[in-house]
């Protein structure tokens, strides 16, 4: 759809993202239940979702802190997981219009799914579709987090409901499509070996960081 009609373009992006937003809301609810169990206050968890808007990075940070890892390790793990937004942001930057404040706002809605929806088959970013898709996903994530926080008071142990499996399940879902390429298989193998080797002996958080660095090295190897 053309960007000629701004309202139609925004709505088209929101409609395209709506099914994904429902799944995002479920993961957001899992985060809302797990974060207080890791020591986050409900307010801190909600603010984190509203300002970070990065499910994998948030799960990683919470997982590291829940295991007794340092704040530095949690931040490093989150940054490594979000490193992919560097090239994604560069590809979308020419399409983001307006002044610094408007461009900053639009950039916050740039995640994997909204980027894919905004790019479409042509590969050219449609900025208003990006706003619609990103807005729908953002509302799903924050609303899901709020619902999880509200429900979490009634859940004595998230592990009893299997919610502690949300973090590994999320990353297995992200990993599966990457295993189709040789570089993806090298990255997965390098990360798995390093993570398994360091988990019994290294402080919490260090295995995640080392495994991520090993995965980068494995993917880059020619």
C-alpha atoms as a PDB file:
ATOM      1  CA  UNK A   1       0.000   0.000   0.000  1.00  0.00           C
ATOM      2  CA  UNK A   2       1.190   3.487  -0.856  1.00  0.00           C
ATOM      3  CA  UNK A   3       1.997   6.056   1.780  1.00  0.00           C
ATOM      4  CA  UNK A   4      -0.244   8.538  -0.128  1.00  0.00           C
ATOM      5  CA  UNK A   5      -2.999   8.231   2.486  1.00  0.00           C
ATOM      6  CA  UNK A   6      -1.317   8.440   5.906  1.00  0.00           C
ATOM      7  CA  UNK A   7      -4.215   7.025   7.933  1.00  0.00           C
ATOM      8  CA  UNK A   8      -4.681   4.068   5.584  1.00  0.00           C
ATOM      9  CA  UNK A   9      -0.961   3.278   5.692  1.00  0.00           C
ATOM     10  CA  UNK A  10      -0.839   3.348   9.493  1.00  0.00           C
ATOM     11  CA  UNK A  11      -3.940   1.157   9.760  1.00  0.00           C
ATOM     12  CA  UNK A  12      -2.538  -1.276   7.199  1.00  0.00           C
ATOM     13  CA  UNK A  13       0.605  -1.655   9.290  1.00  0.00           C
ATOM     14  CA  UNK A  14      -1.413  -2.167  12.466  1.00  0.00           C
ATOM     15  CA  UNK A  15      -3.652  -4.775  10.812  1.00  0.00           C
ATOM     16  CA  UNK A  16      -0.659  -6.674   9.443  1.00  0.00           C
ATOM     17  CA  UNK A  17       0.948  -6.741  12.897  1.00  0.00           C
ATOM     18  CA  UNK A  18      -2.214  -7.571  14.868  1.00  0.00           C
ATOM     19  CA  UNK A  19      -1.791 -11.400  14.862  1.00  0.00           C
ATOM     20  CA  UNK A  20       1.848 -11.038  15.905  1.00  0.00           C
ATOM     21  CA  UNK A  21       0.872  -8.521  18.584  1.00  0.00           C
ATOM     22  CA  UNK A  22      -1.310 -11.173  20.234  1.00  0.00           C
ATOM     23  CA  UNK A  23       1.684 -13.514  20.502  1.00  0.00           C
ATOM     24  CA  UNK A  24       3.837 -10.628  21.739  1.00  0.00           C
ATOM     25  CA  UNK A  25       1.230  -9.938  24.441  1.00  0.00           C
ATOM     26  CA  UNK A  26       1.508 -13.536  25.664  1.00  0.00           C
ATOM     27  CA  UNK A  27       5.287 -13.216  25.984  1.00  0.00           C
ATOM     28  CA  UNK A  28       4.791  -9.850  27.652  1.00  0.00           C
ATOM     29  CA  UNK A  29       2.515 -11.486  30.194  1.00  0.00           C
ATOM     30  CA  UNK A  30       5.172 -14.116  30.874  1.00  0.00           C
ATOM     31  CA  UNK A  31       7.694 -11.350  31.444  1.00  0.00           C
ATOM     32  CA  UNK A  32       5.249  -9.606  33.782  1.00  0.00           C
ATOM     33  CA  UNK A  33       4.960 -12.742  35.905  1.00  0.00           C
ATOM     34  CA  UNK A  34       8.671 -13.593  35.899  1.00  0.00           C
ATOM     35  CA  UNK A  35      10.165 -10.143  36.514  1.00  0.00           C
ATOM     36  CA  UNK A  36       8.875  -9.746  40.116  1.00  0.00           C
ATOM     37  CA  UNK A  37      10.063 -13.279  40.864  1.00  0.00           C
ATOM     38  CA  UNK A  38      13.539 -12.086  39.819  1.00  0.00           C
ATOM     39  CA  UNK A  39      13.399  -9.136  42.204  1.00  0.00           C
ATOM     40  CA  UNK A  40      11.896  -6.422  40.006  1.00  0.00           C
ATOM     41  CA  UNK A  41       9.176  -4.242  41.475  1.00  0.00           C
ATOM     42  CA  UNK A  42       5.982  -4.139  39.376  1.00  0.00           C
ATOM     43  CA  UNK A  43       6.651  -0.481  38.550  1.00  0.00           C
ATOM     44  CA  UNK A  44      10.226  -1.225  37.437  1.00  0.00           C
ATOM     45  CA  UNK A  45       9.091  -4.122  35.248  1.00  0.00           C
ATOM     46  CA  UNK A  46       6.401  -2.019  33.577  1.00  0.00           C
ATOM     47  CA  UNK A  47       8.765   0.903  33.010  1.00  0.00           C
ATOM     48  CA  UNK A  48      11.357  -1.485  31.555  1.00  0.00           C
ATOM     49  CA  UNK A  49       8.834  -2.819  29.037  1.00  0.00           C
ATOM     50  CA  UNK A  50       7.625   0.681  28.167  1.00  0.00           C
ATOM     51  CA  UNK A  51      11.106   2.109  27.612  1.00  0.00           C
ATOM     52  CA  UNK A  52      13.111  -0.902  26.405  1.00  0.00           C
ATOM     53  CA  UNK A  53      10.517  -2.713  24.232  1.00  0.00           C
ATOM     54  CA  UNK A  54      12.856  -5.603  23.514  1.00  0.00           C
ATOM     55  CA  UNK A  55      11.567  -8.960  24.673  1.00  0.00           C
ATOM     56  CA  UNK A  56      14.702 -11.033  24.174  1.00  0.00           C
ATOM     57  CA  UNK A  57      16.926  -8.444  25.868  1.00  0.00           C
ATOM     58  CA  UNK A  58      14.506  -8.049  28.780  1.00  0.00           C
ATOM     59  CA  UNK A  59      14.246 -11.794  29.337  1.00  0.00           C
ATOM     60  CA  UNK A  60      18.029 -12.050  29.198  1.00  0.00           C
ATOM     61  CA  UNK A  61      18.535  -9.290  31.752  1.00  0.00           C
ATOM     62  CA  UNK A  62      15.931 -10.736  34.112  1.00  0.00           C
ATOM     63  CA  UNK A  63      17.386 -14.225  33.744  1.00  0.00           C
ATOM     64  CA  UNK A  64      20.899 -13.024  34.613  1.00  0.00           C
ATOM     65  CA  UNK A  65      19.728 -11.030  37.633  1.00  0.00           C
ATOM     66  CA  UNK A  66      17.482 -13.868  38.833  1.00  0.00           C
ATOM     67  CA  UNK A  67      20.504 -16.175  38.947  1.00  0.00           C
ATOM     68  CA  UNK A  68      22.495 -13.687  41.006  1.00  0.00           C
ATOM     69  CA  UNK A  69      24.453 -12.137  38.165  1.00  0.00           C
ATOM     70  CA  UNK A  70      25.710  -8.572  38.263  1.00  0.00           C
ATOM     71  CA  UNK A  71      23.950  -5.585  36.736  1.00  0.00           C
ATOM     72  CA  UNK A  72      26.879  -5.162  34.338  1.00  0.00           C
ATOM     73  CA  UNK A  73      26.474  -8.744  33.093  1.00  0.00           C
ATOM     74  CA  UNK A  74      22.721  -8.249  32.649  1.00  0.00           C
ATOM     75  CA  UNK A  75      23.258  -5.040  30.649  1.00  0.00           C
ATOM     76  CA  UNK A  76      25.998  -6.624  28.530  1.00  0.00           C
ATOM     77  CA  UNK A  77      23.794  -9.615  27.693  1.00  0.00           C
ATOM     78  CA  UNK A  78      20.930  -7.313  26.704  1.00  0.00           C
ATOM     79  CA  UNK A  79      23.188  -5.145  24.542  1.00  0.00           C
ATOM     80  CA  UNK A  80      24.619  -8.147  22.711  1.00  0.00           C
ATOM     81  CA  UNK A  81      21.152  -9.465  21.960  1.00  0.00           C
ATOM     82  CA  UNK A  82      20.094  -6.060  20.636  1.00  0.00           C
ATOM     83  CA  UNK A  83      23.202  -5.598  18.480  1.00  0.00           C
ATOM     84  CA  UNK A  84      21.167  -6.646  15.445  1.00  0.00           C
ATOM     85  CA  UNK A  85      19.266  -3.361  15.655  1.00  0.00           C
ATOM     86  CA  UNK A  86      22.382  -1.549  14.453  1.00  0.00           C
ATOM     87  CA  UNK A  87      22.093  -2.677  10.823  1.00  0.00           C
ATOM     88  CA  UNK A  88      18.280  -2.720  11.019  1.00  0.00           C
ATOM     89  CA  UNK A  89      18.304   0.898  12.150  1.00  0.00           C
ATOM     90  CA  UNK A  90      20.729   1.922   9.421  1.00  0.00           C
ATOM     91  CA  UNK A  91      18.501   0.344   6.778  1.00  0.00           C
ATOM     92  CA  UNK A  92      15.433   2.177   8.062  1.00  0.00           C
ATOM     93  CA  UNK A  93      17.041   5.550   8.855  1.00  0.00           C
ATOM     94  CA  UNK A  94      16.596   7.109   5.387  1.00  0.00           C
ATOM     95  CA  UNK A  95      12.831   6.494   5.567  1.00  0.00           C
ATOM     96  CA  UNK A  96      12.319   8.143   8.964  1.00  0.00           C
ATOM     97  CA  UNK A  97      11.184  11.694   8.367  1.00  0.00           C
ATOM     98  CA  UNK A  98      10.754  14.835  10.416  1.00  0.00           C
ATOM     99  CA  UNK A  99      12.717  16.409  13.229  1.00  0.00           C
ATOM    100  CA  UNK A 100      14.869  14.656  15.830  1.00  0.00           C
ATOM    101  CA  UNK A 101      11.987  14.078  18.276  1.00  0.00           C
ATOM    102  CA  UNK A 102       9.754  12.504  15.634  1.00  0.00           C
ATOM    103  CA  UNK A 103      12.557  10.332  14.288  1.00  0.00           C
ATOM    104  CA  UNK A 104      13.481   9.250  17.817  1.00  0.00           C
ATOM    105  CA  UNK A 105       9.871   8.235  18.521  1.00  0.00           C
ATOM    106  CA  UNK A 106       9.610   6.284  15.266  1.00  0.00           C
ATOM    107  CA  UNK A 107      12.915   4.518  15.973  1.00  0.00           C
ATOM    108  CA  UNK A 108      11.552   3.159  19.257  1.00  0.00           C
ATOM    109  CA  UNK A 109       8.911   1.252  17.284  1.00  0.00           C
ATOM    110  CA  UNK A 110      11.510  -0.365  15.025  1.00  0.00           C
ATOM    111  CA  UNK A 111      11.698  -4.042  15.979  1.00  0.00           C
ATOM    112  CA  UNK A 112      12.211  -7.148  13.849  1.00  0.00           C
ATOM    113  CA  UNK A 113       8.532  -7.646  13.042  1.00  0.00           C
ATOM    114  CA  UNK A 114       7.643  -3.994  12.369  1.00  0.00           C
ATOM    115  CA  UNK A 115      10.726  -3.681  10.151  1.00  0.00           C
ATOM    116  CA  UNK A 116       9.670  -6.735   8.120  1.00  0.00           C
ATOM    117  CA  UNK A 117       6.091  -5.460   7.759  1.00  0.00           C
ATOM    118  CA  UNK A 118       7.217  -1.949   6.812  1.00  0.00           C
ATOM    119  CA  UNK A 119       9.729  -3.225   4.265  1.00  0.00           C
ATOM    120  CA  UNK A 120       7.325  -5.576   2.499  1.00  0.00           C
ATOM    121  CA  UNK A 121       8.270  -7.411  -0.708  1.00  0.00           C
ATOM    122  CA  UNK A 122       9.971  -4.339  -2.196  1.00  0.00           C
ATOM    123  CA  UNK A 123      12.427  -3.931   0.675  1.00  0.00           C
ATOM    124  CA  UNK A 124      11.712  -0.181   0.806  1.00  0.00           C
ATOM    125  CA  UNK A 125      10.659   0.980   4.283  1.00  0.00           C
ATOM    126  CA  UNK A 126       7.191   2.575   4.379  1.00  0.00           C
ATOM    127  CA  UNK A 127       7.437   4.844   7.451  1.00  0.00           C
ATOM    128  CA  UNK A 128       3.725   5.014   8.234  1.00  0.00           C
ATOM    129  CA  UNK A 129       3.329   1.250   7.993  1.00  0.00           C
ATOM    130  CA  UNK A 130       6.261   1.083  10.414  1.00  0.00           C
ATOM    131  CA  UNK A 131       4.404   3.350  12.851  1.00  0.00           C
ATOM    132  CA  UNK A 132       1.223   1.280  12.616  1.00  0.00           C
ATOM    133  CA  UNK A 133       2.954  -2.077  12.967  1.00  0.00           C
ATOM    134  CA  UNK A 134       5.324  -0.907  15.684  1.00  0.00           C
ATOM    135  CA  UNK A 135       2.520   0.777  17.597  1.00  0.00           C
ATOM    136  CA  UNK A 136       0.405  -2.400  17.606  1.00  0.00           C
ATOM    137  CA  UNK A 137       3.352  -4.499  18.772  1.00  0.00           C
ATOM    138  CA  UNK A 138       4.281  -1.945  21.436  1.00  0.00           C
ATOM    139  CA  UNK A 139       0.753  -1.900  22.848  1.00  0.00           C
ATOM    140  CA  UNK A 140       0.696  -5.699  22.871  1.00  0.00           C
ATOM    141  CA  UNK A 141       4.005  -5.907  24.738  1.00  0.00           C
ATOM    142  CA  UNK A 142       3.214  -3.273  27.364  1.00  0.00           C
ATOM    143  CA  UNK A 143      -0.377  -4.440  27.873  1.00  0.00           C
ATOM    144  CA  UNK A 144       0.818  -8.031  28.152  1.00  0.00           C
ATOM    145  CA  UNK A 145       3.401  -7.023  30.751  1.00  0.00           C
ATOM    146  CA  UNK A 146       0.733  -5.178  32.752  1.00  0.00           C
ATOM    147  CA  UNK A 147      -1.582  -8.200  32.596  1.00  0.00           C
ATOM    148  CA  UNK A 148       1.224 -10.503  33.708  1.00  0.00           C
ATOM    149  CA  UNK A 149       2.062  -8.224  36.621  1.00  0.00           C
ATOM    150  CA  UNK A 150      -1.584  -8.181  37.676  1.00  0.00           C
ATOM    151  CA  UNK A 151      -1.882 -11.955  37.410  1.00  0.00           C
ATOM    152  CA  UNK A 152       1.503 -12.559  39.025  1.00  0.00           C
ATOM    153  CA  UNK A 153       0.180 -11.737  42.473  1.00  0.00           C
ATOM    154  CA  UNK A 154      -1.990 -14.847  42.211  1.00  0.00           C
ATOM    155  CA  UNK A 155       0.862 -17.103  41.044  1.00  0.00           C
ATOM    156  CA  UNK A 156       2.901 -18.415  43.931  1.00  0.00           C
ATOM    157  CA  UNK A 157       5.539 -20.004  41.718  1.00  0.00           C
ATOM    158  CA  UNK A 158       5.905 -19.170  38.001  1.00  0.00           C
ATOM    159  CA  UNK A 159       7.840 -22.422  37.551  1.00  0.00           C
ATOM    160  CA  UNK A 160       4.774 -24.387  38.648  1.00  0.00           C
ATOM    161  CA  UNK A 161       2.967 -23.144  35.525  1.00  0.00           C
ATOM    162  CA  UNK A 162       5.993 -23.633  33.297  1.00  0.00           C
ATOM    163  CA  UNK A 163       6.435 -19.883  32.791  1.00  0.00           C
ATOM    164  CA  UNK A 164      10.130 -20.178  33.561  1.00  0.00           C
ATOM    165  CA  UNK A 165      10.399 -21.976  30.206  1.00  0.00           C
ATOM    166  CA  UNK A 166       9.332 -18.816  28.344  1.00  0.00           C
ATOM    167  CA  UNK A 167      12.913 -17.524  28.119  1.00  0.00           C
ATOM    168  CA  UNK A 168      14.481 -20.629  26.515  1.00  0.00           C
ATOM    169  CA  UNK A 169      11.379 -21.162  24.372  1.00  0.00           C
ATOM    170  CA  UNK A 170      11.683 -17.644  22.985  1.00  0.00           C
ATOM    171  CA  UNK A 171      15.293 -18.163  21.984  1.00  0.00           C
ATOM    172  CA  UNK A 172      14.674 -21.590  20.518  1.00  0.00           C
ATOM    173  CA  UNK A 173      11.993 -19.996  18.366  1.00  0.00           C
ATOM    174  CA  UNK A 174      14.445 -17.320  17.208  1.00  0.00           C
ATOM    175  CA  UNK A 175      17.169 -19.909  16.594  1.00  0.00           C
ATOM    176  CA  UNK A 176      15.192 -22.426  14.530  1.00  0.00           C
ATOM    177  CA  UNK A 177      15.062 -20.470  11.222  1.00  0.00           C
ATOM    178  CA  UNK A 178      18.770 -19.606  11.481  1.00  0.00           C
ATOM    179  CA  UNK A 179      19.792 -23.282  11.484  1.00  0.00           C
ATOM    180  CA  UNK A 180      18.991 -23.505   7.781  1.00  0.00           C
ATOM    181  CA  UNK A 181      22.243 -21.750   6.862  1.00  0.00           C
ATOM    182  CA  UNK A 182      25.820 -22.968   7.474  1.00  0.00           C
ATOM    183  CA  UNK A 183      26.678 -19.694   9.246  1.00  0.00           C
ATOM    184  CA  UNK A 184      23.666 -20.106  11.523  1.00  0.00           C
ATOM    185  CA  UNK A 185      24.639 -23.667  12.401  1.00  0.00           C
ATOM    186  CA  UNK A 186      28.234 -22.580  13.153  1.00  0.00           C
ATOM    187  CA  UNK A 187      26.967 -19.765  15.381  1.00  0.00           C
ATOM    188  CA  UNK A 188      24.566 -22.073  17.237  1.00  0.00           C
ATOM    189  CA  UNK A 189      27.233 -24.737  17.760  1.00  0.00           C
ATOM    190  CA  UNK A 190      29.824 -22.244  19.015  1.00  0.00           C
ATOM    191  CA  UNK A 191      27.356 -20.626  21.415  1.00  0.00           C
ATOM    192  CA  UNK A 192      26.108 -23.956  22.732  1.00  0.00           C
ATOM    193  CA  UNK A 193      29.581 -25.363  23.390  1.00  0.00           C
ATOM    194  CA  UNK A 194      30.776 -22.216  25.165  1.00  0.00           C
ATOM    195  CA  UNK A 195      27.590 -21.852  27.192  1.00  0.00           C
ATOM    196  CA  UNK A 196      27.577 -25.471  28.340  1.00  0.00           C
ATOM    197  CA  UNK A 197      31.268 -25.358  29.217  1.00  0.00           C
ATOM    198  CA  UNK A 198      31.057 -22.171  31.278  1.00  0.00           C
ATOM    199  CA  UNK A 199      27.709 -22.589  33.039  1.00  0.00           C
ATOM    200  CA  UNK A 200      29.031 -24.901  35.811  1.00  0.00           C
ATOM    201  CA  UNK A 201      32.065 -22.741  36.602  1.00  0.00           C
ATOM    202  CA  UNK A 202      31.458 -19.106  35.580  1.00  0.00           C
ATOM    203  CA  UNK A 203      29.461 -16.447  37.473  1.00  0.00           C
ATOM    204  CA  UNK A 204      25.819 -15.967  36.344  1.00  0.00           C
ATOM    205  CA  UNK A 205      25.589 -13.906  33.200  1.00  0.00           C
ATOM    206  CA  UNK A 206      29.110 -14.614  31.977  1.00  0.00           C
ATOM    207  CA  UNK A 207      28.111 -17.767  30.039  1.00  0.00           C
ATOM    208  CA  UNK A 208      25.441 -15.801  28.140  1.00  0.00           C
ATOM    209  CA  UNK A 209      27.886 -13.061  27.183  1.00  0.00           C
ATOM    210  CA  UNK A 210      30.645 -15.500  26.221  1.00  0.00           C
ATOM    211  CA  UNK A 211      28.228 -17.673  24.242  1.00  0.00           C
ATOM    212  CA  UNK A 212      26.930 -14.625  22.335  1.00  0.00           C
ATOM    213  CA  UNK A 213      30.472 -13.546  21.461  1.00  0.00           C
ATOM    214  CA  UNK A 214      31.280 -17.113  20.397  1.00  0.00           C
ATOM    215  CA  UNK A 215      28.163 -17.195  18.233  1.00  0.00           C
ATOM    216  CA  UNK A 216      29.243 -13.965  16.495  1.00  0.00           C
ATOM    217  CA  UNK A 217      32.677 -15.453  15.860  1.00  0.00           C
ATOM    218  CA  UNK A 218      31.160 -18.687  14.576  1.00  0.00           C
ATOM    219  CA  UNK A 219      28.860 -16.858  12.170  1.00  0.00           C
ATOM    220  CA  UNK A 220      31.665 -14.645  10.874  1.00  0.00           C
ATOM    221  CA  UNK A 221      34.052 -17.511  10.221  1.00  0.00           C
ATOM    222  CA  UNK A 222      34.497 -18.095   6.502  1.00  0.00           C
END
